[in-house]
Amino acid sequence: MDRPAVVVLFGGRSSEHSISSATAGGVLRAISRDRYRVIPVGITRAGAFVLEDDDPDKFRLDADELPEVIDNGTRILWPEAGGDRVLRVRRADGSVDDLGAVDVVLPILHGVHGEDGTVQGFLDTLEIPYAGGGVLDSALCMDKHFMKIVLQAAGVPVSPWVTVTRAAWGREQERIRRDAAALGLPMFVKPARAGSSVGVSKVAHPDELDAALQLAFAEDDKVLIETAIVGREIEVAILEGRGGAASRASLPGEIVLTTREFYDFEGKYLGGDGAEVVCPAELTDAEIARIQELGIRAFDAVDGRGLARVDFFLAADDLYVNELNTMPGFTPISMFPKCWIASGMSYPELISELIDTARERAST
């Protein structure tokens, strides 16, 4: 039997372009070539779809030189909806080659124009199966404001917050300062639609609010100001159930901070000191059960599909959901794979799980 063709799609137009490219390096290194025929497709920062080299080392995570998709002159020609699903590439010299029929796309994209439902809608329009979240859950979880509203409606505890638009900040600064002050100090300021801790600041004094908002507005026109929850940072990995089964939760992991104020971009990806990813976390059986149950509830509340990482604050009084990531960091050292590895599933098996779940969903 011919191997199913999997398009590994990465890069993109968001500020998380390099992290997506680094994730691609890990996936390309681990995906089973015995089971799948792999077609690497990169999206440049300008939004061009190009045929990439099947070379994991090209996209390894290097703190001194972050990987990226460079325009090599090729252009991916996507199949027409209702057609034969044959992918084609136009070479730099103008010639066109067939790459064969596509069975599934693995979109390992982070941030806007990829993790927000836009690429998912594009693939739905072309009737090409794809792994991971769909349009609705991707869009909801990319926008932290609406994600919190949905979780609240489902009875899932979230940290108190105020949402501020750039336009409102220009008109009503004093009112917004009062609303923020009511949240107490310290507080966090973050873009509503960004990830990887880009544009996030911890505010310990009211005088720091303006600069924090300025940093967040550089990423998004909508920003959240949140109460800082004092507690342990716990994360759990969720996978969609197969064959009508319920969603599944991994053993939880923990972000252990020593010298960092919060788990920022450097701590996550560049090997900065002061932050450690520990999985499984040291928790009681009751805490593990509660985290897994609430993680699945949150995933189901947003109509989750494929996978998600649910991030919590385990405080003295309650367990709070911080956010859901529908395409979490997926490098071999990221929390999502580490949680499933600790739960008995290898990194290559996890990649196959996502691909096979998408193919099964498309066949029903």
Protein backbone atom coordinates (compact mmCIF):
# COMPACT_ATOMS: atom_id res chain seq x y z
CA MET A 1 0.00 0.00 0.00
CA ASP A 2 1.27 3.46 -0.87
CA ARG A 3 2.33 5.61 2.05
CA PRO A 4 -0.05 8.48 2.85
CA ALA A 5 1.35 11.86 1.80
CA VAL A 6 1.68 14.35 4.65
CA VAL A 7 2.35 18.05 4.03
CA VAL A 8 4.27 19.46 6.99
CA LEU A 9 3.29 23.15 6.88
CA PHE A 10 5.31 25.67 8.89
CA GLY A 11 6.74 29.17 9.12
CA GLY A 12 4.07 31.80 8.53
CA ARG A 13 3.55 35.53 8.81
CA SER A 14 3.33 35.84 12.59
CA SER A 15 5.95 36.91 15.11
CA GLU A 16 6.24 33.20 15.99
CA HIS A 17 7.61 32.30 12.54
CA SER A 18 10.94 31.04 13.88
CA ILE A 19 9.35 28.92 16.61
CA SER A 20 7.12 27.27 13.99
CA SER A 21 10.21 26.64 11.84
CA ALA A 22 12.06 25.13 14.80
CA THR A 23 9.06 22.90 15.52
CA ALA A 24 9.24 21.75 11.89
CA GLY A 25 12.85 20.71 12.46
CA GLY A 26 11.78 18.43 15.31
CA VAL A 27 8.81 17.00 13.41
CA LEU A 28 10.80 16.37 10.21
CA ARG A 29 13.45 14.57 12.24
CA ALA A 30 10.94 12.30 14.02
CA ILE A 31 8.13 11.60 11.56
CA SER A 32 8.15 8.03 10.27
CA ARG A 33 9.25 7.86 6.63
CA ASP A 34 8.25 4.19 6.65
CA ARG A 35 4.65 5.18 7.31
CA TYR A 36 4.36 8.53 5.52
CA ARG A 37 5.60 10.33 2.43
CA VAL A 38 6.60 13.77 3.70
CA ILE A 39 6.29 17.03 1.74
CA PRO A 40 7.75 20.02 3.65
CA VAL A 41 6.01 23.29 2.75
CA GLY A 42 7.19 26.54 4.28
CA ILE A 43 5.37 29.86 4.47
CA THR A 44 7.69 32.85 4.22
CA ARG A 45 7.27 35.90 6.43
CA ALA A 46 5.65 37.56 3.42
CA GLY A 47 3.13 34.73 3.09
CA ALA A 48 4.49 32.81 0.07
CA PHE A 49 4.07 29.01 0.12
CA VAL A 50 7.36 27.43 -0.95
CA LEU A 51 8.61 23.86 -1.30
CA GLU A 52 11.25 23.30 1.36
CA ASP A 53 14.13 20.88 1.76
CA ASP A 54 13.42 17.75 3.77
CA ASP A 55 16.32 18.61 6.07
CA PRO A 56 15.63 18.79 9.82
CA ASP A 57 19.02 20.37 10.55
CA LYS A 58 18.11 23.37 8.42
CA PHE A 59 15.48 24.30 11.00
CA ARG A 60 17.18 23.41 14.27
CA LEU A 61 16.61 25.86 17.10
CA ASP A 62 19.74 27.99 17.51
CA ALA A 63 19.61 30.92 19.95
CA ASP A 64 22.22 32.81 17.91
CA GLU A 65 20.38 32.38 14.60
CA LEU A 66 16.71 31.47 14.75
CA PRO A 67 15.51 29.39 11.79
CA GLU A 68 13.23 30.82 9.15
CA VAL A 69 11.67 30.04 5.78
CA ILE A 70 13.51 31.89 3.00
CA ASP A 71 11.87 32.55 -0.35
CA ASN A 72 13.63 30.12 -2.71
CA GLY A 73 11.61 31.07 -5.77
CA THR A 74 9.32 28.03 -5.74
CA ARG A 75 5.55 28.34 -5.33
CA ILE A 76 3.17 25.68 -4.08
CA LEU A 77 0.08 25.30 -6.29
CA TRP A 78 -2.70 23.95 -4.11
CA PRO A 79 -5.34 21.58 -5.53
CA GLU A 80 -8.73 22.90 -6.52
CA ALA A 81 -11.64 22.05 -4.25
CA GLY A 82 -13.36 18.81 -5.23
CA GLY A 83 -10.43 17.80 -7.40
CA ASP A 84 -7.78 15.15 -7.20
CA ARG A 85 -5.84 16.69 -4.25
CA VAL A 86 -2.66 16.69 -6.33
CA LEU A 87 -0.13 19.19 -5.03
CA ARG A 88 2.08 20.93 -7.57
CA VAL A 89 5.11 23.15 -7.38
CA ARG A 90 6.16 25.86 -9.79
CA ARG A 91 9.93 25.97 -9.83
CA ALA A 92 11.99 29.14 -10.03
CA ASP A 93 12.50 28.53 -13.77
CA GLY A 94 8.73 28.39 -14.37
CA SER A 95 8.44 24.62 -14.80
CA VAL A 96 5.68 22.82 -12.89
CA ASP A 97 6.06 19.42 -11.18
CA ASP A 98 3.47 17.15 -9.60
CA LEU A 99 4.17 16.25 -5.97
CA GLY A 100 1.40 13.67 -5.79
CA ALA A 101 -1.95 13.57 -4.03
CA VAL A 102 -2.11 14.98 -0.49
CA ASP A 103 -3.72 12.83 2.20
CA VAL A 104 -3.37 15.20 5.15
CA VAL A 105 -1.75 18.49 6.12
CA LEU A 106 0.06 18.84 9.45
CA PRO A 107 -0.08 22.62 10.05
CA ILE A 108 2.49 23.29 12.76
CA LEU A 109 1.90 27.03 12.64
CA HIS A 110 1.93 29.35 15.64
CA GLY A 111 0.24 32.73 15.97
CA VAL A 112 -1.93 34.72 13.58
CA HIS A 113 -2.35 33.62 9.96
CA GLY A 114 -1.97 30.00 11.01
CA GLU A 115 -3.13 29.13 14.52
CA ASP A 116 -6.17 31.43 14.40
CA GLY A 117 -8.42 29.49 12.03
CA THR A 118 -7.33 31.20 8.81
CA VAL A 119 -5.26 28.33 7.39
CA GLN A 120 -7.81 25.86 8.75
CA GLY A 121 -10.56 27.63 6.80
CA PHE A 122 -8.36 27.68 3.70
CA LEU A 123 -7.84 23.91 3.91
CA ASP A 124 -11.54 23.33 4.61
CA THR A 125 -12.35 25.28 1.45
CA LEU A 126 -9.96 23.10 -0.55
CA GLU A 127 -11.42 19.97 1.12
CA ILE A 128 -7.99 18.80 2.25
CA PRO A 129 -7.89 16.95 5.61
CA TYR A 130 -5.62 18.46 8.24
CA ALA A 131 -4.44 17.66 11.75
CA GLY A 132 -5.11 19.76 14.82
CA GLY A 133 -7.74 22.33 15.64
CA GLY A 134 -10.54 23.43 13.35
CA VAL A 135 -11.71 26.92 12.48
CA LEU A 136 -13.81 27.54 15.59
CA ASP A 137 -11.52 26.29 18.36
CA SER A 138 -8.45 27.77 16.66
CA ALA A 139 -10.07 31.21 16.39
CA LEU A 140 -11.50 31.11 19.92
CA CYS A 141 -8.27 30.09 21.60
CA MET A 142 -6.17 32.53 19.60
CA ASP A 143 -8.25 35.39 21.03
CA LYS A 144 -7.76 35.23 24.80
CA HIS A 145 -10.68 37.61 25.42
CA PHE A 146 -13.27 35.36 23.77
CA MET A 147 -11.58 32.23 25.09
CA LYS A 148 -12.12 33.47 28.65
CA ILE A 149 -15.76 34.30 27.93
CA VAL A 150 -16.41 30.78 26.60
CA LEU A 151 -14.61 29.14 29.53
CA GLN A 152 -16.51 31.27 32.05
CA ALA A 153 -19.79 30.25 30.44
CA ALA A 154 -18.77 26.60 30.86
CA GLY A 155 -18.00 27.12 34.54
CA VAL A 156 -14.22 26.87 34.10
CA PRO A 157 -12.38 29.26 36.48
CA VAL A 158 -10.23 31.93 34.79
CA SER A 159 -8.22 34.81 36.24
CA PRO A 160 -10.04 38.19 36.46
CA TRP A 161 -9.20 40.49 33.56
CA VAL A 162 -9.92 43.71 31.68
CA THR A 163 -9.84 43.88 27.87
CA VAL A 164 -8.49 47.08 26.31
CA THR A 165 -8.48 48.05 22.64
CA ARG A 166 -6.03 50.54 21.20
CA ALA A 167 -8.92 52.86 20.31
CA ALA A 168 -10.37 52.71 23.84
CA TRP A 169 -6.95 53.43 25.37
CA GLY A 170 -6.74 56.55 23.23
CA ARG A 171 -10.16 57.77 24.46
CA GLU A 172 -10.54 56.51 28.04
CA GLN A 173 -7.18 56.19 29.72
CA GLU A 174 -8.36 57.21 33.17
CA ARG A 175 -11.28 54.79 33.17
CA ILE A 176 -8.99 51.96 32.04
CA ARG A 177 -6.44 52.84 34.74
CA ARG A 178 -9.22 52.57 37.35
CA ASP A 179 -10.39 49.22 35.97
CA ALA A 180 -6.82 47.93 35.98
CA ALA A 181 -6.22 49.18 39.52
CA ALA A 182 -9.23 47.18 40.69
CA LEU A 183 -7.43 43.99 39.58
CA GLY A 184 -4.67 44.65 42.11
CA LEU A 185 -0.91 44.35 41.78
CA PRO A 186 1.00 42.68 40.35
CA MET A 187 -0.80 42.20 37.04
CA PHE A 188 0.06 40.89 33.60
CA VAL A 189 -0.45 42.73 30.33
CA LYS A 190 -0.55 40.62 27.18
CA PRO A 191 -1.70 40.82 23.56
CA ALA A 192 -5.07 39.15 23.04
CA ARG A 193 -3.91 37.34 19.89
CA ALA A 194 -0.26 36.39 20.23
CA GLY A 195 1.64 33.49 21.73
CA SER A 196 5.06 32.34 22.92
CA SER A 197 4.93 35.13 25.55
CA VAL A 198 5.60 37.74 22.85
CA GLY A 199 4.58 41.21 24.06
CA VAL A 200 3.85 40.08 27.63
CA SER A 201 4.85 42.17 30.67
CA LYS A 202 4.49 41.83 34.41
CA VAL A 203 3.38 45.11 36.01
CA ALA A 204 4.37 45.56 39.65
CA HIS A 205 3.69 49.32 39.92
CA PRO A 206 0.99 51.52 38.33
CA ASP A 207 3.67 53.60 36.61
CA GLU A 208 4.65 50.54 34.55
CA LEU A 209 1.22 50.11 32.96
CA ASP A 210 1.70 52.54 30.05
CA ALA A 211 4.92 50.90 28.86
CA ALA A 212 3.42 47.43 29.20
CA LEU A 213 0.41 48.42 27.10
CA GLN A 214 2.69 50.00 24.51
CA LEU A 215 4.63 46.73 24.21
CA ALA A 216 1.46 44.65 23.91
CA PHE A 217 -0.14 47.03 21.39
CA ALA A 218 2.91 46.53 19.17
CA GLU A 219 1.62 42.97 18.68
CA ASP A 220 -2.15 43.45 18.68
CA ASP A 221 -4.82 46.14 18.75
CA LYS A 222 -6.55 44.29 21.60
CA VAL A 223 -4.83 43.65 24.93
CA LEU A 224 -5.70 41.89 28.18
CA ILE A 225 -4.81 43.12 31.66
CA GLU A 226 -5.02 40.21 34.08
CA THR A 227 -4.76 39.68 37.80
CA ALA A 228 -1.52 37.87 38.58
CA ILE A 229 -2.49 34.55 40.16
CA VAL A 230 0.00 33.39 42.78
CA GLY A 231 0.48 29.69 42.32
CA ARG A 232 2.23 26.91 40.46
CA GLU A 233 2.23 26.96 36.65
CA ILE A 234 0.82 23.60 35.60
CA GLU A 235 0.18 22.43 32.04
CA VAL A 236 -1.61 19.39 30.68
CA ALA A 237 -1.69 17.99 27.13
CA ILE A 238 -5.01 17.01 25.56
CA LEU A 239 -5.69 14.77 22.57
CA GLU A 240 -8.98 14.34 20.75
CA GLY A 241 -10.63 10.98 21.31
CA ARG A 242 -10.66 8.57 18.39
CA GLY A 243 -13.57 6.51 17.16
CA GLY A 244 -16.10 8.40 19.27
CA ALA A 245 -14.08 8.06 22.47
CA ALA A 246 -13.72 10.91 24.96
CA SER A 247 -10.82 13.36 24.87
CA ARG A 248 -7.67 12.24 26.70
CA ALA A 249 -5.38 14.10 29.10
CA SER A 250 -1.71 13.42 29.77
CA LEU A 251 0.07 13.54 33.07
CA PRO A 252 0.48 17.24 33.99
CA GLY A 253 3.79 19.05 33.81
CA GLU A 254 5.05 22.14 35.61
CA ILE A 255 6.98 25.27 34.70
CA VAL A 256 9.37 25.83 37.60
CA LEU A 257 10.65 29.40 37.80
CA THR A 258 13.65 30.32 39.90
CA THR A 259 15.10 33.65 38.77
CA ARG A 260 12.58 34.65 36.09
CA GLU A 261 9.51 36.80 36.72
CA PHE A 262 7.48 34.67 34.29
CA TYR A 263 7.95 32.06 31.57
CA ASP A 264 9.05 34.43 28.81
CA PHE A 265 10.26 33.84 25.25
CA GLU A 266 13.90 33.40 26.24
CA GLY A 267 13.06 30.92 28.97
CA LYS A 268 10.81 28.92 26.66
CA TYR A 269 12.96 28.66 23.59
CA LEU A 270 16.47 30.05 23.97
CA GLY A 271 17.72 28.08 26.94
CA GLY A 272 17.66 31.04 29.30
CA ASP A 273 18.39 30.32 32.94
CA GLY A 274 15.71 30.47 35.60
CA ALA A 275 12.99 28.28 34.08
CA GLU A 276 12.65 24.52 33.86
CA VAL A 277 10.05 22.26 32.25
CA VAL A 278 9.28 19.35 34.59
CA CYS A 279 7.04 16.46 33.61
CA PRO A 280 5.41 14.77 35.36
CA ALA A 281 4.82 17.42 38.01
CA GLU A 282 4.90 16.52 41.68
CA LEU A 283 1.18 16.48 42.47
CA THR A 284 -1.21 14.44 44.55
CA ASP A 285 -3.49 11.94 42.83
CA ALA A 286 -6.43 14.22 43.57
CA GLU A 287 -4.67 17.23 42.00
CA ILE A 288 -3.76 15.23 38.90
CA ALA A 289 -7.34 14.05 38.49
CA ARG A 290 -8.71 17.59 38.93
CA ILE A 291 -6.24 19.06 36.41
CA GLN A 292 -6.98 16.36 33.84
CA GLU A 293 -10.75 16.69 34.31
CA LEU A 294 -10.69 20.48 34.03
CA GLY A 295 -8.32 20.35 31.05
CA ILE A 296 -10.72 18.08 29.18
CA ARG A 297 -13.67 20.29 30.17
CA ALA A 298 -11.88 23.36 28.81
CA PHE A 299 -10.98 21.53 25.58
CA ASP A 300 -14.55 20.39 25.09
CA ALA A 301 -15.93 23.85 25.95
CA VAL A 302 -14.13 25.42 22.98
CA ASP A 303 -15.16 22.52 20.71
CA GLY A 304 -11.56 21.34 20.70
CA ARG A 305 -10.26 19.19 17.90
CA GLY A 306 -6.99 17.34 17.45
CA LEU A 307 -4.93 18.62 20.34
CA ALA A 308 -4.40 21.42 22.82
CA ARG A 309 -2.21 22.30 25.74
CA VAL A 310 -4.16 23.71 28.67
CA ASP A 311 -2.21 26.00 30.99
CA PHE A 312 -3.23 26.40 34.64
CA PHE A 313 -2.37 28.31 37.77
CA LEU A 314 -2.66 26.03 40.78
CA ALA A 315 -3.36 28.52 43.57
CA ALA A 316 -4.11 27.98 47.22
CA ASP A 317 -7.83 28.67 46.71
CA ASP A 318 -8.57 27.14 43.30
CA LEU A 319 -7.32 25.92 39.93
CA TYR A 320 -7.48 28.55 37.17
CA VAL A 321 -7.16 28.07 33.42
CA ASN A 322 -4.74 30.61 31.99
CA GLU A 323 -5.11 29.69 28.31
CA LEU A 324 -5.47 26.97 25.71
CA ASN A 325 -3.03 26.51 22.84
CA THR A 326 -4.47 24.64 19.86
CA MET A 327 -1.03 24.21 18.31
CA PRO A 328 1.33 24.28 21.29
CA GLY A 329 5.09 24.27 21.10
CA PHE A 330 5.97 20.94 19.52
CA THR A 331 9.74 20.75 19.61
CA PRO A 332 11.02 17.59 21.32
CA ILE A 333 11.77 19.62 24.48
CA SER A 334 8.39 21.38 24.56
CA MET A 335 5.86 20.69 27.30
CA PHE A 336 3.21 19.07 25.08
CA PRO A 337 5.41 16.22 23.80
CA LYS A 338 7.15 15.85 27.16
CA CYS A 339 3.81 15.33 28.91
CA TRP A 340 2.81 12.59 26.49
CA ILE A 341 6.25 10.99 26.65
CA ALA A 342 5.85 10.89 30.45
CA SER A 343 2.43 9.31 29.86
CA GLY A 344 3.88 6.52 27.71
CA MET A 345 3.70 7.86 24.13
CA SER A 346 6.90 8.57 22.20
CA TYR A 347 7.47 11.71 20.14
CA PRO A 348 7.19 9.87 16.77
CA GLU A 349 4.06 8.07 18.01
CA LEU A 350 2.53 11.42 18.99
CA ILE A 351 3.09 12.82 15.50
CA SER A 352 1.48 9.71 13.99
CA GLU A 353 -1.43 10.05 16.43
CA LEU A 354 -2.22 13.55 15.15
CA ILE A 355 -1.97 12.50 11.50
CA ASP A 356 -4.02 9.32 11.91
CA THR A 357 -6.73 11.12 13.92
CA ALA A 358 -7.11 13.66 11.11
CA ARG A 359 -7.33 10.92 8.48
CA GLU A 360 -9.95 9.02 10.47
CA ARG A 361 -12.00 12.18 10.96
CA ALA A 362 -11.91 12.87 7.20
CA SER A 363 -13.10 9.36 6.39
CA THR A 364 -16.25 9.58 8.53
